[in-house]
Amino acid sequence: MSELTVTAPKRLLAGGLLWASLVQIFIVNNAVVMPRASRQSLTDEIISALGVTRCARVEAIRFCSPWHEAANSAWIVGGLCLALGAVLNTVLLPAGRRRVATTGAFVLSGLALVSAGLNPYNLRLALHLLSAGTCFIAGAVGVLLLGSEFRHMNRPYWGATGMVCGVVSLVGTAVTAVHPVPAFQGLFERVSAWPSVLWIIGTGVVLARAAWRTSRRPDERPGTRRARSEEA
């Protein structure tokens, strides 16, 4: 992917690391918060339950999350990293409408995730659900658009994987919205969120590695090649 990083390796390295840092959401929620919650079912308990600020009824079930501050903080930090990373990673794409749409989708998803963390499920239900839904949908659209761009670069398989993850997330979001009973609601919600987030994390690693390699090979930078050609 050298052709994507030689013009702005430091910016792409920072953007990639920000996206890769979204892994902290999985670590905090699943290794720290959920084991201390009153229920630990990935299939039945919705993700939002981890952020309830006091014991409350979630999907008709009483739920307590003593470490809710950690969950909400993880979403806020993750949303900021997603949005800022998207802005830095704009150098990945050629200027045009597709670039604006892709970046806008990721920024919107990140800001919606911040809003979800700032508005817990049990305090401001309508705003939380709107924020979470926007995060899922916008993130999946961003993954679809960026995945399609990767297919035209030298990462076609990664691009195809992104498109599949985006579609799966959109389908999961639709099922979550129309699913009438609490059973398996947590599973459907995680199908909505996890594929896209995992692909974004992986993309962050790919971009950061490519940018790092480019920055370590100064002989391949355009300025260096130009100087050598003039000397010749």
C-alpha atoms as a PDB file:
ATOM      1  CA  MET A   1       0.000   0.000   0.000  1.00  0.00           C
ATOM      2  CA  SER A   2       3.028   2.299  -0.408  1.00  0.00           C
ATOM      3  CA  GLU A   3       1.220   4.488  -2.924  1.00  0.00           C
ATOM      4  CA  LEU A   4      -1.239   5.466  -0.181  1.00  0.00           C
ATOM      5  CA  THR A   5       1.285   6.514   2.425  1.00  0.00           C
ATOM      6  CA  VAL A   6       4.244   8.195   0.744  1.00  0.00           C
ATOM      7  CA  THR A   7       2.513  11.588   0.655  1.00  0.00           C
ATOM      8  CA  ALA A   8       1.463  11.757   4.326  1.00  0.00           C
ATOM      9  CA  PRO A   9       2.850   8.818   6.347  1.00  0.00           C
ATOM     10  CA  LYS A  10       2.766  10.614   9.715  1.00  0.00           C
ATOM     11  CA  ARG A  11      -0.864  11.633   9.314  1.00  0.00           C
ATOM     12  CA  LEU A  12      -1.898   8.165   8.187  1.00  0.00           C
ATOM     13  CA  LEU A  13       0.096   6.576  11.001  1.00  0.00           C
ATOM     14  CA  ALA A  14      -1.778   8.701  13.550  1.00  0.00           C
ATOM     15  CA  GLY A  15      -5.138   7.985  11.925  1.00  0.00           C
ATOM     16  CA  GLY A  16      -4.426   4.282  11.776  1.00  0.00           C
ATOM     17  CA  LEU A  17      -3.418   4.127  15.424  1.00  0.00           C
ATOM     18  CA  LEU A  18      -6.556   6.007  16.453  1.00  0.00           C
ATOM     19  CA  TRP A  19      -8.721   3.488  14.624  1.00  0.00           C
ATOM     20  CA  ALA A  20      -6.767   0.544  15.998  1.00  0.00           C
ATOM     21  CA  SER A  21      -7.285   1.919  19.507  1.00  0.00           C
ATOM     22  CA  LEU A  22     -11.007   1.142  19.229  1.00  0.00           C
ATOM     23  CA  VAL A  23     -10.068  -2.317  20.484  1.00  0.00           C
ATOM     24  CA  GLN A  24     -10.231  -0.758  23.963  1.00  0.00           C
ATOM     25  CA  ILE A  25     -14.037  -0.793  23.698  1.00  0.00           C
ATOM     26  CA  PHE A  26     -14.050  -4.600  23.481  1.00  0.00           C
ATOM     27  CA  ILE A  27     -11.522  -4.929  26.287  1.00  0.00           C
ATOM     28  CA  VAL A  28     -13.320  -2.558  28.646  1.00  0.00           C
ATOM     29  CA  ASN A  29     -16.851  -3.787  27.965  1.00  0.00           C
ATOM     30  CA  ASN A  30     -16.230  -7.524  27.792  1.00  0.00           C
ATOM     31  CA  ALA A  31     -13.286  -8.013  30.148  1.00  0.00           C
ATOM     32  CA  VAL A  32     -13.929  -5.307  32.741  1.00  0.00           C
ATOM     33  CA  VAL A  33     -17.570  -4.142  32.803  1.00  0.00           C
ATOM     34  CA  MET A  34     -19.624  -7.217  31.878  1.00  0.00           C
ATOM     35  CA  PRO A  35     -17.998  -9.651  34.373  1.00  0.00           C
ATOM     36  CA  ARG A  36     -19.087  -7.274  37.159  1.00  0.00           C
ATOM     37  CA  ALA A  37     -22.633  -6.736  35.872  1.00  0.00           C
ATOM     38  CA  SER A  38     -25.660  -8.497  37.321  1.00  0.00           C
ATOM     39  CA  ARG A  39     -26.027 -10.563  34.138  1.00  0.00           C
ATOM     40  CA  GLN A  40     -23.331 -11.676  31.671  1.00  0.00           C
ATOM     41  CA  SER A  41     -25.198 -12.868  28.590  1.00  0.00           C
ATOM     42  CA  LEU A  42     -23.816 -11.685  25.235  1.00  0.00           C
ATOM     43  CA  THR A  43     -26.920 -12.992  23.484  1.00  0.00           C
ATOM     44  CA  ASP A  44     -29.680 -11.581  25.682  1.00  0.00           C
ATOM     45  CA  GLU A  45     -28.252  -8.410  27.239  1.00  0.00           C
ATOM     46  CA  ILE A  46     -28.015  -5.422  24.912  1.00  0.00           C
ATOM     47  CA  ILE A  47     -24.741  -3.497  24.768  1.00  0.00           C
ATOM     48  CA  SER A  48     -26.383  -0.352  26.126  1.00  0.00           C
ATOM     49  CA  ALA A  49     -27.175  -2.130  29.397  1.00  0.00           C
ATOM     50  CA  LEU A  50     -23.510  -1.932  30.362  1.00  0.00           C
ATOM     51  CA  GLY A  51     -23.820   1.840  30.635  1.00  0.00           C
ATOM     52  CA  VAL A  52     -26.893   2.130  32.877  1.00  0.00           C
ATOM     53  CA  THR A  53     -26.029   4.438  35.761  1.00  0.00           C
ATOM     54  CA  ARG A  54     -28.167   2.588  38.316  1.00  0.00           C
ATOM     55  CA  CYS A  55     -30.062  -0.678  38.493  1.00  0.00           C
ATOM     56  CA  ALA A  56     -32.852  -0.400  35.945  1.00  0.00           C
ATOM     57  CA  ARG A  57     -35.161  -2.451  33.776  1.00  0.00           C
ATOM     58  CA  VAL A  58     -33.504  -3.098  30.424  1.00  0.00           C
ATOM     59  CA  GLU A  59     -35.566  -4.970  27.840  1.00  0.00           C
ATOM     60  CA  ALA A  60     -37.996  -6.025  30.618  1.00  0.00           C
ATOM     61  CA  ILE A  61     -35.139  -7.412  32.752  1.00  0.00           C
ATOM     62  CA  ARG A  62     -33.643  -5.757  35.835  1.00  0.00           C
ATOM     63  CA  PHE A  63     -29.980  -5.010  35.121  1.00  0.00           C
ATOM     64  CA  CYS A  64     -27.169  -3.540  37.227  1.00  0.00           C
ATOM     65  CA  SER A  65     -23.807  -2.360  35.900  1.00  0.00           C
ATOM     66  CA  PRO A  66     -21.556  -1.177  38.761  1.00  0.00           C
ATOM     67  CA  TRP A  67     -18.770  -0.231  36.334  1.00  0.00           C
ATOM     68  CA  HIS A  68     -21.001   1.795  34.017  1.00  0.00           C
ATOM     69  CA  GLU A  69     -18.573   4.748  34.101  1.00  0.00           C
ATOM     70  CA  ALA A  70     -15.972   2.599  32.366  1.00  0.00           C
ATOM     71  CA  ALA A  71     -18.402   1.523  29.635  1.00  0.00           C
ATOM     72  CA  ASN A  72     -19.637   5.035  28.928  1.00  0.00           C
ATOM     73  CA  SER A  73     -16.101   6.433  28.971  1.00  0.00           C
ATOM     74  CA  ALA A  74     -14.960   3.736  26.527  1.00  0.00           C
ATOM     75  CA  TRP A  75     -17.719   4.729  24.105  1.00  0.00           C
ATOM     76  CA  ILE A  76     -16.917   8.428  24.393  1.00  0.00           C
ATOM     77  CA  VAL A  77     -13.180   7.929  23.872  1.00  0.00           C
ATOM     78  CA  GLY A  78     -13.815   5.414  21.092  1.00  0.00           C
ATOM     79  CA  GLY A  79     -16.163   7.781  19.289  1.00  0.00           C
ATOM     80  CA  LEU A  80     -13.624  10.595  19.399  1.00  0.00           C
ATOM     81  CA  CYS A  81     -10.887   8.278  18.091  1.00  0.00           C
ATOM     82  CA  LEU A  82     -13.147   7.085  15.275  1.00  0.00           C
ATOM     83  CA  ALA A  83     -14.075  10.611  14.182  1.00  0.00           C
ATOM     84  CA  LEU A  84     -10.579  12.089  14.444  1.00  0.00           C
ATOM     85  CA  GLY A  85      -9.044   9.045  12.781  1.00  0.00           C
ATOM     86  CA  ALA A  86     -11.462   9.437   9.876  1.00  0.00           C
ATOM     87  CA  VAL A  87     -10.378  13.057   9.380  1.00  0.00           C
ATOM     88  CA  LEU A  88      -6.692  12.103   9.413  1.00  0.00           C
ATOM     89  CA  ASN A  89      -7.271   9.177   7.066  1.00  0.00           C
ATOM     90  CA  THR A  90      -8.861  11.342   4.375  1.00  0.00           C
ATOM     91  CA  VAL A  91      -5.460  11.296   2.643  1.00  0.00           C
ATOM     92  CA  LEU A  92      -6.204   7.683   1.861  1.00  0.00           C
ATOM     93  CA  LEU A  93      -8.798   8.640  -0.759  1.00  0.00           C
ATOM     94  CA  PRO A  94      -8.724  10.897  -3.818  1.00  0.00           C
ATOM     95  CA  ALA A  95     -10.568  14.192  -3.511  1.00  0.00           C
ATOM     96  CA  GLY A  96     -14.210  14.015  -4.520  1.00  0.00           C
ATOM     97  CA  ARG A  97     -17.704  13.155  -3.364  1.00  0.00           C
ATOM     98  CA  ARG A  98     -16.789   9.612  -2.364  1.00  0.00           C
ATOM     99  CA  ARG A  99     -14.080  10.930  -0.066  1.00  0.00           C
ATOM    100  CA  VAL A 100     -16.480  13.409   1.551  1.00  0.00           C
ATOM    101  CA  ALA A 101     -19.194  10.756   1.956  1.00  0.00           C
ATOM    102  CA  THR A 102     -16.822   8.164   3.430  1.00  0.00           C
ATOM    103  CA  THR A 103     -15.211  10.564   5.873  1.00  0.00           C
ATOM    104  CA  GLY A 104     -18.576  12.065   6.794  1.00  0.00           C
ATOM    105  CA  ALA A 105     -20.050   8.647   7.546  1.00  0.00           C
ATOM    106  CA  PHE A 106     -17.222   7.741   9.934  1.00  0.00           C
ATOM    107  CA  VAL A 107     -17.261  11.145  11.628  1.00  0.00           C
ATOM    108  CA  LEU A 108     -21.034  10.931  12.108  1.00  0.00           C
ATOM    109  CA  SER A 109     -20.702   7.417  13.510  1.00  0.00           C
ATOM    110  CA  GLY A 110     -17.994   8.537  15.929  1.00  0.00           C
ATOM    111  CA  LEU A 111     -19.932  11.543  17.163  1.00  0.00           C
ATOM    112  CA  ALA A 112     -23.044   9.398  17.590  1.00  0.00           C
ATOM    113  CA  LEU A 113     -21.016   6.969  19.705  1.00  0.00           C
ATOM    114  CA  VAL A 114     -19.872   9.875  21.865  1.00  0.00           C
ATOM    115  CA  SER A 115     -23.517  10.906  22.265  1.00  0.00           C
ATOM    116  CA  ALA A 116     -24.494   7.371  23.251  1.00  0.00           C
ATOM    117  CA  GLY A 117     -21.870   7.422  25.994  1.00  0.00           C
ATOM    118  CA  LEU A 118     -22.959  10.833  27.222  1.00  0.00           C
ATOM    119  CA  ASN A 119     -26.643   9.833  27.284  1.00  0.00           C
ATOM    120  CA  PRO A 120     -26.994   6.498  29.118  1.00  0.00           C
ATOM    121  CA  TYR A 121     -29.848   4.149  28.291  1.00  0.00           C
ATOM    122  CA  ASN A 122     -31.664   4.617  31.593  1.00  0.00           C
ATOM    123  CA  LEU A 123     -31.413   8.431  31.674  1.00  0.00           C
ATOM    124  CA  ARG A 124     -32.222   9.630  28.151  1.00  0.00           C
ATOM    125  CA  LEU A 125     -33.605   6.599  26.352  1.00  0.00           C
ATOM    126  CA  ALA A 126     -34.767   8.237  23.107  1.00  0.00           C
ATOM    127  CA  LEU A 127     -31.522  10.144  22.560  1.00  0.00           C
ATOM    128  CA  HIS A 128     -29.440   7.096  23.441  1.00  0.00           C
ATOM    129  CA  LEU A 129     -31.305   4.864  20.976  1.00  0.00           C
ATOM    130  CA  LEU A 130     -31.082   7.510  18.247  1.00  0.00           C
ATOM    131  CA  SER A 131     -27.354   7.878  18.867  1.00  0.00           C
ATOM    132  CA  ALA A 132     -26.713   4.134  18.907  1.00  0.00           C
ATOM    133  CA  GLY A 133     -28.732   3.552  15.740  1.00  0.00           C
ATOM    134  CA  THR A 134     -26.950   6.390  13.949  1.00  0.00           C
ATOM    135  CA  CYS A 135     -23.598   5.005  15.068  1.00  0.00           C
ATOM    136  CA  PHE A 136     -24.396   1.528  13.712  1.00  0.00           C
ATOM    137  CA  ILE A 137     -25.822   2.686  10.379  1.00  0.00           C
ATOM    138  CA  ALA A 138     -23.308   5.438   9.612  1.00  0.00           C
ATOM    139  CA  GLY A 139     -20.401   3.199  10.614  1.00  0.00           C
ATOM    140  CA  ALA A 140     -21.613   0.386   8.369  1.00  0.00           C
ATOM    141  CA  VAL A 141     -22.046   2.790   5.436  1.00  0.00           C
ATOM    142  CA  GLY A 142     -18.534   4.117   5.997  1.00  0.00           C
ATOM    143  CA  VAL A 143     -17.134   0.591   6.033  1.00  0.00           C
ATOM    144  CA  LEU A 144     -18.996  -0.230   2.817  1.00  0.00           C
ATOM    145  CA  LEU A 145     -17.664   2.863   1.057  1.00  0.00           C
ATOM    146  CA  LEU A 146     -14.087   2.462   2.263  1.00  0.00           C
ATOM    147  CA  GLY A 147     -14.181  -1.254   1.527  1.00  0.00           C
ATOM    148  CA  SER A 148     -15.188  -0.536  -2.061  1.00  0.00           C
ATOM    149  CA  GLU A 149     -12.232   1.865  -2.343  1.00  0.00           C
ATOM    150  CA  PHE A 150      -9.829  -0.778  -1.019  1.00  0.00           C
ATOM    151  CA  ARG A 151     -10.966  -3.111  -3.782  1.00  0.00           C
ATOM    152  CA  HIS A 152      -9.503  -0.679  -6.320  1.00  0.00           C
ATOM    153  CA  MET A 153      -6.224  -0.387  -4.429  1.00  0.00           C
ATOM    154  CA  ASN A 154      -3.772  -3.182  -3.756  1.00  0.00           C
ATOM    155  CA  ARG A 155      -5.933  -4.667  -0.962  1.00  0.00           C
ATOM    156  CA  PRO A 156      -8.887  -6.141  -2.871  1.00  0.00           C
ATOM    157  CA  TYR A 157      -9.551  -8.963  -0.414  1.00  0.00           C
ATOM    158  CA  TRP A 158      -9.521  -6.630   2.563  1.00  0.00           C
ATOM    159  CA  GLY A 159     -11.865  -4.350   0.669  1.00  0.00           C
ATOM    160  CA  ALA A 160     -14.250  -7.223  -0.054  1.00  0.00           C
ATOM    161  CA  THR A 161     -14.124  -8.192   3.620  1.00  0.00           C
ATOM    162  CA  GLY A 162     -15.096  -4.643   4.544  1.00  0.00           C
ATOM    163  CA  MET A 163     -18.057  -4.675   2.190  1.00  0.00           C
ATOM    164  CA  VAL A 164     -19.253  -7.946   3.702  1.00  0.00           C
ATOM    165  CA  CYS A 165     -18.863  -6.546   7.233  1.00  0.00           C
ATOM    166  CA  GLY A 166     -20.802  -3.431   6.252  1.00  0.00           C
ATOM    167  CA  VAL A 167     -23.667  -5.444   4.816  1.00  0.00           C
ATOM    168  CA  VAL A 168     -23.786  -7.759   7.843  1.00  0.00           C
ATOM    169  CA  SER A 169     -23.909  -4.737  10.171  1.00  0.00           C
ATOM    170  CA  LEU A 170     -26.733  -3.139   8.215  1.00  0.00           C
ATOM    171  CA  VAL A 171     -28.742  -6.367   8.206  1.00  0.00           C
ATOM    172  CA  GLY A 172     -28.101  -6.806  11.923  1.00  0.00           C
ATOM    173  CA  THR A 173     -29.283  -3.262  12.580  1.00  0.00           C
ATOM    174  CA  ALA A 174     -32.487  -3.885  10.638  1.00  0.00           C
ATOM    175  CA  VAL A 175     -33.175  -7.114  12.533  1.00  0.00           C
ATOM    176  CA  THR A 176     -32.472  -5.375  15.855  1.00  0.00           C
ATOM    177  CA  ALA A 177     -34.958  -2.640  14.993  1.00  0.00           C
ATOM    178  CA  VAL A 178     -37.820  -5.012  14.144  1.00  0.00           C
ATOM    179  CA  HIS A 179     -37.075  -7.838  16.598  1.00  0.00           C
ATOM    180  CA  PRO A 180     -40.181  -7.911  18.838  1.00  0.00           C
ATOM    181  CA  VAL A 181     -38.965  -9.862  21.868  1.00  0.00           C
ATOM    182  CA  PRO A 182     -35.978  -9.450  24.245  1.00  0.00           C
ATOM    183  CA  ALA A 183     -34.588 -12.928  23.543  1.00  0.00           C
ATOM    184  CA  PHE A 184     -31.374 -12.741  21.510  1.00  0.00           C
ATOM    185  CA  GLN A 185     -31.645  -8.948  21.323  1.00  0.00           C
ATOM    186  CA  GLY A 186     -28.066  -8.677  22.557  1.00  0.00           C
ATOM    187  CA  LEU A 187     -26.883 -11.063  19.850  1.00  0.00           C
ATOM    188  CA  PHE A 188     -28.552  -9.100  17.072  1.00  0.00           C
ATOM    189  CA  GLU A 189     -27.186  -5.834  18.426  1.00  0.00           C
ATOM    190  CA  ARG A 190     -23.660  -7.198  18.522  1.00  0.00           C
ATOM    191  CA  VAL A 191     -24.049  -8.452  14.954  1.00  0.00           C
ATOM    192  CA  SER A 192     -24.950  -4.851  14.114  1.00  0.00           C
ATOM    193  CA  ALA A 193     -21.912  -3.358  15.791  1.00  0.00           C
ATOM    194  CA  TRP A 194     -19.036  -5.797  15.931  1.00  0.00           C
ATOM    195  CA  PRO A 195     -18.322  -6.636  12.249  1.00  0.00           C
ATOM    196  CA  SER A 196     -17.891  -2.984  11.252  1.00  0.00           C
ATOM    197  CA  VAL A 197     -15.905  -2.072  14.369  1.00  0.00           C
ATOM    198  CA  LEU A 198     -13.599  -5.071  13.975  1.00  0.00           C
ATOM    199  CA  TRP A 199     -12.962  -4.144  10.341  1.00  0.00           C
ATOM    200  CA  ILE A 200     -12.188  -0.544  11.316  1.00  0.00           C
ATOM    201  CA  ILE A 201      -9.726  -1.790  13.938  1.00  0.00           C
ATOM    202  CA  GLY A 202      -8.089  -4.076  11.383  1.00  0.00           C
ATOM    203  CA  THR A 203      -7.942  -1.249   8.857  1.00  0.00           C
ATOM    204  CA  GLY A 204      -6.264   0.919  11.443  1.00  0.00           C
ATOM    205  CA  VAL A 205      -3.579  -1.717  11.912  1.00  0.00           C
ATOM    206  CA  VAL A 206      -3.112  -2.059   8.138  1.00  0.00           C
ATOM    207  CA  LEU A 207      -2.781   1.695   7.653  1.00  0.00           C
ATOM    208  CA  ALA A 208      -0.473   2.204  10.624  1.00  0.00           C
ATOM    209  CA  ARG A 209       1.851  -0.585   9.487  1.00  0.00           C
ATOM    210  CA  ALA A 210       1.964   0.708   5.924  1.00  0.00           C
ATOM    211  CA  ALA A 211       2.623   4.265   7.086  1.00  0.00           C
ATOM    212  CA  TRP A 212       5.351   3.117   9.467  1.00  0.00           C
ATOM    213  CA  ARG A 213       7.094   1.138   6.758  1.00  0.00           C
ATOM    214  CA  THR A 214       6.945   4.092   4.401  1.00  0.00           C
ATOM    215  CA  SER A 215       8.383   6.457   7.003  1.00  0.00           C
ATOM    216  CA  ARG A 216      11.246   3.990   7.553  1.00  0.00           C
ATOM    217  CA  ARG A 217      12.123   3.969   3.837  1.00  0.00           C
ATOM    218  CA  PRO A 218      13.068   7.572   3.004  1.00  0.00           C
ATOM    219  CA  ASP A 219      14.549   6.482  -0.315  1.00  0.00           C
ATOM    220  CA  GLU A 220      11.015   5.780  -1.566  1.00  0.00           C
ATOM    221  CA  ARG A 221       9.631   9.258  -0.824  1.00  0.00           C
ATOM    222  CA  PRO A 222       8.905  11.448  -3.820  1.00  0.00           C
ATOM    223  CA  GLY A 223      11.263  14.218  -2.667  1.00  0.00           C
ATOM    224  CA  THR A 224      14.149  11.807  -2.261  1.00  0.00           C
ATOM    225  CA  ARG A 225      13.562  10.240  -5.667  1.00  0.00           C
ATOM    226  CA  ARG A 226      13.379  13.690  -7.259  1.00  0.00           C
ATOM    227  CA  ALA A 227      16.645  14.767  -5.621  1.00  0.00           C
ATOM    228  CA  ARG A 228      18.379  11.622  -6.812  1.00  0.00           C
ATOM    229  CA  SER A 229      17.138  12.100 -10.357  1.00  0.00           C
ATOM    230  CA  GLU A 230      18.504  15.672 -10.350  1.00  0.00           C
ATOM    231  CA  GLU A 231      21.886  14.459  -9.113  1.00  0.00           C
ATOM    232  CA  ALA A 232      21.980  11.885 -11.923  1.00  0.00           C
END
